[in-house]
Amino acid sequence: MSSGPAPPARRTPSKPGPGPAATRPLGKDSDAVPPGERDPAAGRAALAAFARRLHLFPIGLQVALQFSGWALFFLQGRGPGFPISSWIVALLIFAALYGIVYAILLARQSAVPIWVVVVTVLNVVLLVVVIFAVLYWHYGTTPNFNVTLSRLDALYFTLGTLSTAGTGSIYPSSELARGLVSAQMAADLLLFAVAVALVVTRLGERRQTRR
């Protein structure tokens, strides 16, 4: 008695084997990081993002230029044999102007913390102080002022002009000195106008955010 055709054998589905990524060994050229170790590339990326978020680079650049200006103020001699370092003064002036523009741009961004704007404006004020302190010290002789200025006198005269509190018995006596004082007065007025504009801009941003 013949039997019918045998039923087909059931095939057991095979399990997928490991892919190329799983079978690739960890060699020198592998991008994988062994367990327990930190990825240096991820750390550098996080630090760069942190610096961009807090605007550390422009603030750090301004602080570095301030140190250069104060070093010039305390170390620079005065007289025919000590010409003023005009390139350092030019860099300080550029940093102050850049700081003003940068502060205005920051104030228009509501996501930027207010302390970043305040620190930027403070750096600009200190840059203006060191610029004119250096200039008053270099040109602070009797042809230009009624007395020969010491370094403390130059700093005192700068702060007195900035705060409009007066400078006591020190006053300019030449066109060059009066031109420097006029330039500082104009810079002080510009700083005051920028500070008011920043406050108004930030208050306007907050009102729009609340709406």
C-alpha atoms as a PDB file:
ATOM      1  CA  MET A   1       0.000   0.000   0.000  1.00  0.00           C
ATOM      2  CA  SER A   2       1.738   3.238  -1.190  1.00  0.00           C
ATOM      3  CA  SER A   3       1.793   6.239   1.020  1.00  0.00           C
ATOM      4  CA  GLY A   4       1.164   9.786  -0.198  1.00  0.00           C
ATOM      5  CA  PRO A   5       3.845  12.372  -0.711  1.00  0.00           C
ATOM      6  CA  ALA A   6       5.690  13.309   2.427  1.00  0.00           C
ATOM      7  CA  PRO A   7       4.803  16.734   3.858  1.00  0.00           C
ATOM      8  CA  PRO A   8       7.420  19.414   3.255  1.00  0.00           C
ATOM      9  CA  ALA A   9       9.846  19.966   6.067  1.00  0.00           C
ATOM     10  CA  ARG A  10       9.226  23.036   8.156  1.00  0.00           C
ATOM     11  CA  ARG A  11      11.968  25.562   7.947  1.00  0.00           C
ATOM     12  CA  THR A  12      12.999  27.292  11.070  1.00  0.00           C
ATOM     13  CA  PRO A  13      13.673  30.995  10.385  1.00  0.00           C
ATOM     14  CA  SER A  14      17.257  31.776  10.990  1.00  0.00           C
ATOM     15  CA  LYS A  15      18.163  34.573  13.395  1.00  0.00           C
ATOM     16  CA  PRO A  16      19.877  37.548  11.831  1.00  0.00           C
ATOM     17  CA  GLY A  17      23.523  37.580  12.574  1.00  0.00           C
ATOM     18  CA  PRO A  18      25.429  40.544  13.841  1.00  0.00           C
ATOM     19  CA  GLY A  19      25.844  43.384  11.369  1.00  0.00           C
ATOM     20  CA  PRO A  20      29.092  44.948  10.260  1.00  0.00           C
ATOM     21  CA  ALA A  21      29.007  47.499  13.049  1.00  0.00           C
ATOM     22  CA  ALA A  22      28.728  44.792  15.674  1.00  0.00           C
ATOM     23  CA  THR A  23      31.423  42.564  14.202  1.00  0.00           C
ATOM     24  CA  ARG A  24      33.909  45.373  13.572  1.00  0.00           C
ATOM     25  CA  PRO A  25      36.735  45.096  16.073  1.00  0.00           C
ATOM     26  CA  LEU A  26      37.852  48.035  18.096  1.00  0.00           C
ATOM     27  CA  GLY A  27      41.063  49.044  16.405  1.00  0.00           C
ATOM     28  CA  LYS A  28      43.112  52.206  16.231  1.00  0.00           C
ATOM     29  CA  ASP A  29      40.940  53.650  13.474  1.00  0.00           C
ATOM     30  CA  SER A  30      37.642  52.904  15.215  1.00  0.00           C
ATOM     31  CA  ASP A  31      35.454  55.822  16.316  1.00  0.00           C
ATOM     32  CA  ALA A  32      33.953  53.892  19.191  1.00  0.00           C
ATOM     33  CA  VAL A  33      34.956  54.905  22.692  1.00  0.00           C
ATOM     34  CA  PRO A  34      35.686  52.081  25.170  1.00  0.00           C
ATOM     35  CA  PRO A  35      33.307  51.863  28.116  1.00  0.00           C
ATOM     36  CA  GLY A  36      34.279  53.981  31.085  1.00  0.00           C
ATOM     37  CA  GLU A  37      36.175  56.588  29.040  1.00  0.00           C
ATOM     38  CA  ARG A  38      35.061  60.066  28.011  1.00  0.00           C
ATOM     39  CA  ASP A  39      34.832  61.069  24.398  1.00  0.00           C
ATOM     40  CA  PRO A  40      37.280  63.999  23.937  1.00  0.00           C
ATOM     41  CA  ALA A  41      35.485  65.199  20.812  1.00  0.00           C
ATOM     42  CA  ALA A  42      32.187  65.434  22.685  1.00  0.00           C
ATOM     43  CA  GLY A  43      33.904  67.351  25.482  1.00  0.00           C
ATOM     44  CA  ARG A  44      35.393  69.865  23.070  1.00  0.00           C
ATOM     45  CA  ALA A  45      32.041  70.332  21.349  1.00  0.00           C
ATOM     46  CA  ALA A  46      30.301  70.929  24.667  1.00  0.00           C
ATOM     47  CA  LEU A  47      32.943  73.482  25.703  1.00  0.00           C
ATOM     48  CA  ALA A  48      32.629  75.322  22.384  1.00  0.00           C
ATOM     49  CA  ALA A  49      28.852  75.463  22.731  1.00  0.00           C
ATOM     50  CA  PHE A  50      29.213  76.753  26.291  1.00  0.00           C
ATOM     51  CA  ALA A  51      31.583  79.499  25.163  1.00  0.00           C
ATOM     52  CA  ARG A  52      29.267  80.557  22.357  1.00  0.00           C
ATOM     53  CA  ARG A  53      26.276  80.598  24.649  1.00  0.00           C
ATOM     54  CA  LEU A  54      27.914  82.804  27.258  1.00  0.00           C
ATOM     55  CA  HIS A  55      29.784  85.009  24.771  1.00  0.00           C
ATOM     56  CA  LEU A  56      33.078  84.398  26.535  1.00  0.00           C
ATOM     57  CA  PHE A  57      35.346  85.142  23.610  1.00  0.00           C
ATOM     58  CA  PRO A  58      34.456  88.843  23.054  1.00  0.00           C
ATOM     59  CA  ILE A  59      34.443  89.503  26.792  1.00  0.00           C
ATOM     60  CA  GLY A  60      37.771  87.721  27.236  1.00  0.00           C
ATOM     61  CA  LEU A  61      39.270  89.692  24.346  1.00  0.00           C
ATOM     62  CA  GLN A  62      38.206  92.976  25.902  1.00  0.00           C
ATOM     63  CA  VAL A  63      39.661  91.977  29.272  1.00  0.00           C
ATOM     64  CA  ALA A  64      42.959  90.981  27.638  1.00  0.00           C
ATOM     65  CA  LEU A  65      43.174  94.352  25.890  1.00  0.00           C
ATOM     66  CA  GLN A  66      42.445  96.085  29.183  1.00  0.00           C
ATOM     67  CA  PHE A  67      45.426  94.347  30.774  1.00  0.00           C
ATOM     68  CA  SER A  68      47.560  95.533  27.847  1.00  0.00           C
ATOM     69  CA  GLY A  69      46.337  99.092  28.343  1.00  0.00           C
ATOM     70  CA  TRP A  70      47.012  99.105  32.084  1.00  0.00           C
ATOM     71  CA  ALA A  71      50.448  97.595  31.495  1.00  0.00           C
ATOM     72  CA  LEU A  72      51.146 100.438  29.071  1.00  0.00           C
ATOM     73  CA  PHE A  73      49.898 102.955  31.622  1.00  0.00           C
ATOM     74  CA  PHE A  74      52.135 101.720  34.440  1.00  0.00           C
ATOM     75  CA  LEU A  75      55.218 100.795  32.399  1.00  0.00           C
ATOM     76  CA  GLN A  76      55.332 103.401  29.618  1.00  0.00           C
ATOM     77  CA  GLY A  77      57.842 106.174  30.124  1.00  0.00           C
ATOM     78  CA  ARG A  78      57.314 109.802  29.235  1.00  0.00           C
ATOM     79  CA  GLY A  79      59.491 112.175  27.310  1.00  0.00           C
ATOM     80  CA  PRO A  80      61.287 112.446  23.966  1.00  0.00           C
ATOM     81  CA  GLY A  81      62.887 109.036  24.380  1.00  0.00           C
ATOM     82  CA  PHE A  82      59.587 107.270  25.099  1.00  0.00           C
ATOM     83  CA  PRO A  83      57.179 107.582  22.163  1.00  0.00           C
ATOM     84  CA  ILE A  84      53.663 106.438  22.879  1.00  0.00           C
ATOM     85  CA  SER A  85      52.684 102.982  21.613  1.00  0.00           C
ATOM     86  CA  SER A  86      50.139 104.212  19.117  1.00  0.00           C
ATOM     87  CA  TRP A  87      49.209 100.726  17.923  1.00  0.00           C
ATOM     88  CA  ILE A  88      48.180  99.683  21.435  1.00  0.00           C
ATOM     89  CA  VAL A  89      46.084 102.831  21.806  1.00  0.00           C
ATOM     90  CA  ALA A  90      44.520 102.155  18.405  1.00  0.00           C
ATOM     91  CA  LEU A  91      43.660  98.598  19.486  1.00  0.00           C
ATOM     92  CA  LEU A  92      42.093  99.915  22.691  1.00  0.00           C
ATOM     93  CA  ILE A  93      39.992 102.429  20.764  1.00  0.00           C
ATOM     94  CA  PHE A  94      38.878  99.726  18.339  1.00  0.00           C
ATOM     95  CA  ALA A  95      37.967  97.418  21.237  1.00  0.00           C
ATOM     96  CA  ALA A  96      35.895 100.167  22.859  1.00  0.00           C
ATOM     97  CA  LEU A  97      33.990 100.900  19.643  1.00  0.00           C
ATOM     98  CA  TYR A  98      33.502  97.179  19.020  1.00  0.00           C
ATOM     99  CA  GLY A  99      32.211  96.742  22.571  1.00  0.00           C
ATOM    100  CA  ILE A 100      29.614  99.471  22.062  1.00  0.00           C
ATOM    101  CA  VAL A 101      28.294  97.859  18.878  1.00  0.00           C
ATOM    102  CA  TYR A 102      28.408  94.402  20.443  1.00  0.00           C
ATOM    103  CA  ALA A 103      26.477  95.548  23.520  1.00  0.00           C
ATOM    104  CA  ILE A 104      23.765  97.057  21.325  1.00  0.00           C
ATOM    105  CA  LEU A 105      23.451  93.802  19.368  1.00  0.00           C
ATOM    106  CA  LEU A 106      23.282  91.771  22.578  1.00  0.00           C
ATOM    107  CA  ALA A 107      20.583  93.982  24.083  1.00  0.00           C
ATOM    108  CA  ARG A 108      18.329  93.266  21.094  1.00  0.00           C
ATOM    109  CA  GLN A 109      18.446  89.514  21.809  1.00  0.00           C
ATOM    110  CA  SER A 110      16.077  88.561  24.606  1.00  0.00           C
ATOM    111  CA  ALA A 111      17.751  85.169  25.018  1.00  0.00           C
ATOM    112  CA  VAL A 112      21.025  86.793  26.103  1.00  0.00           C
ATOM    113  CA  PRO A 113      21.314  87.145  29.908  1.00  0.00           C
ATOM    114  CA  ILE A 114      21.313  90.705  31.162  1.00  0.00           C
ATOM    115  CA  TRP A 115      24.599  90.208  33.015  1.00  0.00           C
ATOM    116  CA  VAL A 116      26.384  89.631  29.692  1.00  0.00           C
ATOM    117  CA  VAL A 117      25.224  93.050  28.492  1.00  0.00           C
ATOM    118  CA  VAL A 118      26.237  94.674  31.793  1.00  0.00           C
ATOM    119  CA  VAL A 119      29.720  93.119  31.720  1.00  0.00           C
ATOM    120  CA  THR A 120      30.203  94.224  28.113  1.00  0.00           C
ATOM    121  CA  VAL A 121      29.254  97.833  28.925  1.00  0.00           C
ATOM    122  CA  LEU A 122      31.508  97.774  32.011  1.00  0.00           C
ATOM    123  CA  ASN A 123      34.398  96.605  29.871  1.00  0.00           C
ATOM    124  CA  VAL A 124      33.791  99.494  27.475  1.00  0.00           C
ATOM    125  CA  VAL A 125      33.825 101.997  30.363  1.00  0.00           C
ATOM    126  CA  LEU A 126      37.107 100.586  31.678  1.00  0.00           C
ATOM    127  CA  LEU A 127      38.583 100.702  28.182  1.00  0.00           C
ATOM    128  CA  VAL A 128      37.687 104.381  27.884  1.00  0.00           C
ATOM    129  CA  VAL A 129      39.267 105.046  31.287  1.00  0.00           C
ATOM    130  CA  VAL A 130      42.539 103.328  30.428  1.00  0.00           C
ATOM    131  CA  ILE A 131      42.725 104.978  26.976  1.00  0.00           C
ATOM    132  CA  PHE A 132      42.513 108.512  28.344  1.00  0.00           C
ATOM    133  CA  ALA A 133      44.615 107.735  31.399  1.00  0.00           C
ATOM    134  CA  VAL A 134      47.421 106.638  29.076  1.00  0.00           C
ATOM    135  CA  LEU A 135      47.002 109.757  26.916  1.00  0.00           C
ATOM    136  CA  TYR A 136      46.876 112.135  29.880  1.00  0.00           C
ATOM    137  CA  TRP A 137      49.958 110.518  31.389  1.00  0.00           C
ATOM    138  CA  HIS A 138      51.919 110.727  28.139  1.00  0.00           C
ATOM    139  CA  TYR A 139      50.993 114.348  27.405  1.00  0.00           C
ATOM    140  CA  GLY A 140      50.693 115.443  31.035  1.00  0.00           C
ATOM    141  CA  THR A 141      53.538 117.937  31.116  1.00  0.00           C
ATOM    142  CA  THR A 142      53.490 121.627  31.946  1.00  0.00           C
ATOM    143  CA  PRO A 143      53.107 122.839  28.355  1.00  0.00           C
ATOM    144  CA  ASN A 144      49.836 120.911  28.142  1.00  0.00           C
ATOM    145  CA  PHE A 145      48.574 121.139  31.745  1.00  0.00           C
ATOM    146  CA  ASN A 146      49.088 123.660  34.479  1.00  0.00           C
ATOM    147  CA  VAL A 147      51.016 121.037  36.475  1.00  0.00           C
ATOM    148  CA  THR A 148      53.016 117.966  35.540  1.00  0.00           C
ATOM    149  CA  LEU A 149      50.735 114.961  35.976  1.00  0.00           C
ATOM    150  CA  SER A 150      51.800 111.861  37.803  1.00  0.00           C
ATOM    151  CA  ARG A 151      50.174 108.538  36.987  1.00  0.00           C
ATOM    152  CA  LEU A 152      47.766 109.021  39.866  1.00  0.00           C
ATOM    153  CA  ASP A 153      46.994 112.545  38.631  1.00  0.00           C
ATOM    154  CA  ALA A 154      46.298 111.212  35.138  1.00  0.00           C
ATOM    155  CA  LEU A 155      43.921 108.569  36.494  1.00  0.00           C
ATOM    156  CA  TYR A 156      42.285 111.105  38.804  1.00  0.00           C
ATOM    157  CA  PHE A 157      41.806 113.547  35.938  1.00  0.00           C
ATOM    158  CA  THR A 158      40.284 110.796  33.776  1.00  0.00           C
ATOM    159  CA  LEU A 159      37.805 109.717  36.438  1.00  0.00           C
ATOM    160  CA  GLY A 160      36.931 113.315  37.296  1.00  0.00           C
ATOM    161  CA  THR A 161      36.131 114.073  33.670  1.00  0.00           C
ATOM    162  CA  LEU A 162      34.157 110.827  33.289  1.00  0.00           C
ATOM    163  CA  SER A 163      32.030 111.426  36.368  1.00  0.00           C
ATOM    164  CA  THR A 164      31.663 115.194  35.690  1.00  0.00           C
ATOM    165  CA  ALA A 165      32.725 115.746  39.311  1.00  0.00           C
ATOM    166  CA  GLY A 166      35.564 118.047  38.282  1.00  0.00           C
ATOM    167  CA  THR A 167      39.309 117.740  38.551  1.00  0.00           C
ATOM    168  CA  GLY A 168      40.113 120.323  41.182  1.00  0.00           C
ATOM    169  CA  SER A 169      43.236 122.353  40.497  1.00  0.00           C
ATOM    170  CA  ILE A 170      44.264 120.406  37.386  1.00  0.00           C
ATOM    171  CA  TYR A 171      43.184 121.887  34.064  1.00  0.00           C
ATOM    172  CA  PRO A 172      44.402 121.770  30.454  1.00  0.00           C
ATOM    173  CA  SER A 173      46.480 124.675  29.216  1.00  0.00           C
ATOM    174  CA  SER A 174      47.139 123.833  25.539  1.00  0.00           C
ATOM    175  CA  GLU A 175      45.064 123.063  22.475  1.00  0.00           C
ATOM    176  CA  LEU A 176      46.267 119.446  22.496  1.00  0.00           C
ATOM    177  CA  ALA A 177      45.172 118.898  26.084  1.00  0.00           C
ATOM    178  CA  ARG A 178      41.846 120.630  25.532  1.00  0.00           C
ATOM    179  CA  GLY A 179      41.319 118.444  22.466  1.00  0.00           C
ATOM    180  CA  LEU A 180      41.927 115.301  24.545  1.00  0.00           C
ATOM    181  CA  VAL A 181      39.498 116.487  27.215  1.00  0.00           C
ATOM    182  CA  SER A 182      36.899 117.289  24.569  1.00  0.00           C
ATOM    183  CA  ALA A 183      37.338 113.837  23.056  1.00  0.00           C
ATOM    184  CA  GLN A 184      36.789 112.216  26.433  1.00  0.00           C
ATOM    185  CA  MET A 185      33.683 114.293  27.058  1.00  0.00           C
ATOM    186  CA  ALA A 186      32.280 113.164  23.715  1.00  0.00           C
ATOM    187  CA  ALA A 187      33.100 109.548  24.561  1.00  0.00           C
ATOM    188  CA  ASP A 188      31.415 109.903  27.949  1.00  0.00           C
ATOM    189  CA  LEU A 189      28.262 111.300  26.340  1.00  0.00           C
ATOM    190  CA  LEU A 190      28.276 108.422  23.857  1.00  0.00           C
ATOM    191  CA  LEU A 191      28.548 105.891  26.676  1.00  0.00           C
ATOM    192  CA  PHE A 192      25.661 107.532  28.522  1.00  0.00           C
ATOM    193  CA  ALA A 193      23.494 107.487  25.385  1.00  0.00           C
ATOM    194  CA  VAL A 194      24.351 103.827  24.732  1.00  0.00           C
ATOM    195  CA  ALA A 195      23.528 102.874  28.332  1.00  0.00           C
ATOM    196  CA  VAL A 196      20.116 104.569  28.096  1.00  0.00           C
ATOM    197  CA  ALA A 197      19.438 102.924  24.726  1.00  0.00           C
ATOM    198  CA  LEU A 198      20.331  99.503  26.124  1.00  0.00           C
ATOM    199  CA  VAL A 199      17.978  99.901  29.078  1.00  0.00           C
ATOM    200  CA  VAL A 200      15.121 101.052  26.836  1.00  0.00           C
ATOM    201  CA  THR A 201      15.749  98.212  24.367  1.00  0.00           C
ATOM    202  CA  ARG A 202      15.808  95.534  27.044  1.00  0.00           C
ATOM    203  CA  LEU A 203      12.641  96.879  28.688  1.00  0.00           C
ATOM    204  CA  GLY A 204      10.908  96.858  25.311  1.00  0.00           C
ATOM    205  CA  GLU A 205      11.964  93.241  24.724  1.00  0.00           C
ATOM    206  CA  ARG A 206      10.540  92.223  28.095  1.00  0.00           C
ATOM    207  CA  ARG A 207       7.207  93.910  27.395  1.00  0.00           C
ATOM    208  CA  GLN A 208       6.906  92.137  24.050  1.00  0.00           C
ATOM    209  CA  THR A 209       7.764  88.817  25.698  1.00  0.00           C
ATOM    210  CA  ARG A 210       5.049  89.259  28.333  1.00  0.00           C
ATOM    211  CA  ARG A 211       2.449  89.951  25.641  1.00  0.00           C
END
